[in-house]
Amino acid sequence: MSRSLFFLSVVMFLFFLTMSSCGVKAPPSLPRQEFSLKVEDLQSEWRDGDLYLSGYINGFEESEGVSDLIKGCRLYYAGYSSKAQPCERCPIDYHGFHEFGREVISRNRLSLKVPEKSIGQVSFFKVHLKGPKGVMGLPSNTVKIETAQE
């Protein structure tokens, strides 16, 4: 009887061992591409009732063909009422984004007009450059705009 108990124990051990390592692997995927360009010194300016953002592109070298790598940018925005805005060190919950193409890039500068629907009483903006195959670059600094006082 002890032999059958030993045999049963070995079979159960092998069964549980094979169940925990079934051999199924994750789907194949390519390593994530790196795109380290970013907009630095992002600033805002009101012109003729429209809000514009501009900044310099870090790591931009015309001679190395970097300009061909930049496909545009993504502008993240968050709009709050003046009473419901986050505190100074609180995380910002960006509500949406707008995509822009190469037309907002000129040499080593970014300049874009902020769509009116993304501006609140207190607004926060950050920009990510888009690289090849939609890879996003590093985030810019955050810009805070206050349009109304209560």
Protein backbone atom coordinates (compact mmCIF):
# COMPACT_ATOMS: atom_id res chain seq x y z
CA MET A 1 0.00 0.00 0.00
CA SER A 2 2.86 2.36 0.63
CA ARG A 3 4.07 1.79 -2.93
CA SER A 4 0.73 2.85 -4.40
CA LEU A 5 0.66 5.88 -2.09
CA PHE A 6 4.17 6.85 -3.26
CA PHE A 7 3.18 6.36 -6.92
CA LEU A 8 0.04 8.47 -6.40
CA SER A 9 2.10 11.22 -4.72
CA VAL A 10 4.56 11.29 -7.63
CA VAL A 11 1.73 11.45 -10.17
CA MET A 12 0.01 14.27 -8.27
CA PHE A 13 3.31 16.18 -7.96
CA LEU A 14 3.98 15.86 -11.69
CA PHE A 15 0.40 16.89 -12.48
CA PHE A 16 0.65 20.08 -10.41
CA LEU A 17 4.12 20.78 -11.76
CA THR A 18 2.92 20.59 -15.37
CA MET A 19 -0.16 22.70 -14.64
CA SER A 20 1.94 25.56 -13.24
CA SER A 21 4.31 25.57 -16.22
CA CYS A 22 2.13 24.93 -19.23
CA GLY A 23 4.62 26.43 -21.69
CA VAL A 24 2.35 29.18 -22.95
CA LYS A 25 4.33 32.33 -23.64
CA ALA A 26 3.22 35.92 -24.03
CA PRO A 27 2.58 37.06 -27.61
CA PRO A 28 5.75 38.14 -29.37
CA SER A 29 6.40 41.87 -29.25
CA LEU A 30 9.16 44.17 -30.35
CA PRO A 31 11.04 46.13 -27.72
CA ARG A 32 9.63 49.61 -27.19
CA GLN A 33 11.44 52.21 -29.22
CA GLU A 34 13.15 55.07 -27.46
CA PHE A 35 12.39 58.65 -28.47
CA SER A 36 14.09 61.06 -26.12
CA LEU A 37 13.35 64.40 -27.80
CA LYS A 38 11.23 66.79 -25.78
CA VAL A 39 9.98 70.34 -25.71
CA GLU A 40 11.75 72.49 -23.14
CA ASP A 41 10.81 75.86 -21.74
CA LEU A 42 7.17 75.54 -22.83
CA GLN A 43 5.56 78.99 -22.53
CA SER A 44 2.18 80.53 -23.27
CA GLU A 45 1.22 83.77 -24.93
CA TRP A 46 -2.12 85.41 -25.71
CA ARG A 47 -2.31 86.92 -29.21
CA ASP A 48 -5.50 88.50 -30.60
CA GLY A 49 -7.65 86.52 -28.17
CA ASP A 50 -6.01 83.17 -28.97
CA LEU A 51 -3.67 81.17 -26.76
CA TYR A 52 -0.36 80.02 -28.26
CA LEU A 53 2.23 77.66 -26.78
CA SER A 54 5.86 77.63 -27.83
CA GLY A 55 9.11 76.04 -26.74
CA TYR A 56 12.49 74.71 -27.83
CA ILE A 57 13.15 71.14 -28.88
CA ASN A 58 15.83 69.49 -26.78
CA GLY A 59 18.38 67.37 -28.66
CA PHE A 60 17.51 68.81 -32.06
CA GLU A 61 20.36 68.58 -34.55
CA GLU A 62 19.46 69.43 -38.16
CA SER A 63 22.65 67.82 -39.48
CA GLU A 64 21.81 64.43 -37.99
CA GLY A 65 18.38 64.20 -39.66
CA VAL A 66 16.53 64.54 -36.37
CA SER A 67 13.93 66.80 -37.96
CA ASP A 68 12.76 63.85 -40.08
CA LEU A 69 12.14 61.82 -36.92
CA ILE A 70 9.62 64.30 -35.48
CA LYS A 71 6.17 63.58 -36.88
CA GLY A 72 4.27 66.15 -34.80
CA CYS A 73 3.14 66.46 -31.22
CA ARG A 74 0.37 65.66 -28.79
CA LEU A 75 -0.97 68.47 -26.57
CA TYR A 76 -2.51 67.21 -23.32
CA TYR A 77 -4.92 69.58 -21.58
CA ALA A 78 -6.86 69.87 -18.33
CA GLY A 79 -9.39 72.59 -17.60
CA TYR A 80 -10.75 73.40 -14.15
CA SER A 81 -12.91 76.05 -12.55
CA SER A 82 -10.93 78.38 -10.31
CA LYS A 83 -12.51 76.76 -7.22
CA ALA A 84 -11.85 73.15 -8.28
CA GLN A 85 -8.25 73.40 -9.47
CA PRO A 86 -5.67 70.96 -8.06
CA CYS A 87 -3.23 72.08 -5.38
CA GLU A 88 0.37 72.99 -6.27
CA ARG A 89 1.80 69.49 -5.72
CA CYS A 90 -1.31 67.47 -6.60
CA PRO A 91 -1.27 65.34 -9.75
CA ILE A 92 -3.08 66.82 -12.73
CA ASP A 93 -5.81 64.74 -14.35
CA TYR A 94 -5.48 65.56 -18.04
CA HIS A 95 -8.94 65.27 -19.64
CA GLY A 96 -7.90 64.87 -23.26
CA PHE A 97 -5.42 65.69 -25.97
CA HIS A 98 -5.10 67.19 -29.43
CA GLU A 99 -2.79 65.86 -32.15
CA PHE A 100 -0.77 68.17 -34.38
CA GLY A 101 1.40 67.32 -37.40
CA ARG A 102 4.76 68.61 -38.59
CA GLU A 103 3.27 72.06 -39.28
CA VAL A 104 3.83 73.05 -35.62
CA ILE A 105 7.60 72.31 -35.83
CA SER A 106 9.96 74.86 -37.34
CA ARG A 107 13.64 74.01 -37.08
CA ASN A 108 14.29 73.65 -33.34
CA ARG A 109 11.03 75.29 -32.16
CA LEU A 110 7.49 74.22 -31.48
CA SER A 111 4.69 76.76 -31.88
CA LEU A 112 0.99 75.92 -31.85
CA LYS A 113 -2.40 77.53 -31.37
CA VAL A 114 -4.36 75.93 -28.52
CA PRO A 115 -7.88 74.88 -29.57
CA GLU A 116 -10.45 77.01 -27.75
CA LYS A 117 -12.43 74.04 -26.41
CA SER A 118 -9.45 72.91 -24.30
CA ILE A 119 -9.19 76.19 -22.34
CA GLY A 120 -10.91 76.47 -18.95
CA GLN A 121 -10.83 79.08 -16.20
CA VAL A 122 -7.64 77.40 -15.00
CA SER A 123 -5.90 75.27 -17.61
CA PHE A 124 -2.86 73.03 -17.59
CA PHE A 125 -0.97 71.97 -20.72
CA LYS A 126 1.94 69.67 -21.54
CA VAL A 127 3.36 68.54 -24.88
CA HIS A 128 4.87 65.25 -26.06
CA LEU A 129 6.67 65.13 -29.41
CA LYS A 130 5.67 62.23 -31.68
CA GLY A 131 8.38 60.17 -33.27
CA PRO A 132 8.46 57.38 -35.83
CA LYS A 133 5.57 54.89 -35.68
CA GLY A 134 3.71 57.03 -33.12
CA VAL A 135 6.29 56.68 -30.35
CA MET A 136 5.89 59.50 -27.82
CA GLY A 137 8.80 61.52 -26.55
CA LEU A 138 9.33 62.80 -23.04
CA PRO A 139 6.80 65.29 -21.57
CA SER A 140 7.47 69.02 -21.58
CA ASN A 141 7.14 71.14 -18.50
CA THR A 142 3.55 71.91 -17.48
CA VAL A 143 2.11 75.33 -18.25
CA LYS A 144 -0.67 76.76 -16.08
CA ILE A 145 -3.00 79.42 -17.50
CA GLU A 146 -5.60 81.35 -15.51
CA THR A 147 -8.18 82.99 -17.76
CA ALA A 148 -10.73 84.24 -15.24
CA GLN A 149 -10.78 85.38 -11.63
CA GLU A 150 -13.83 84.97 -9.39
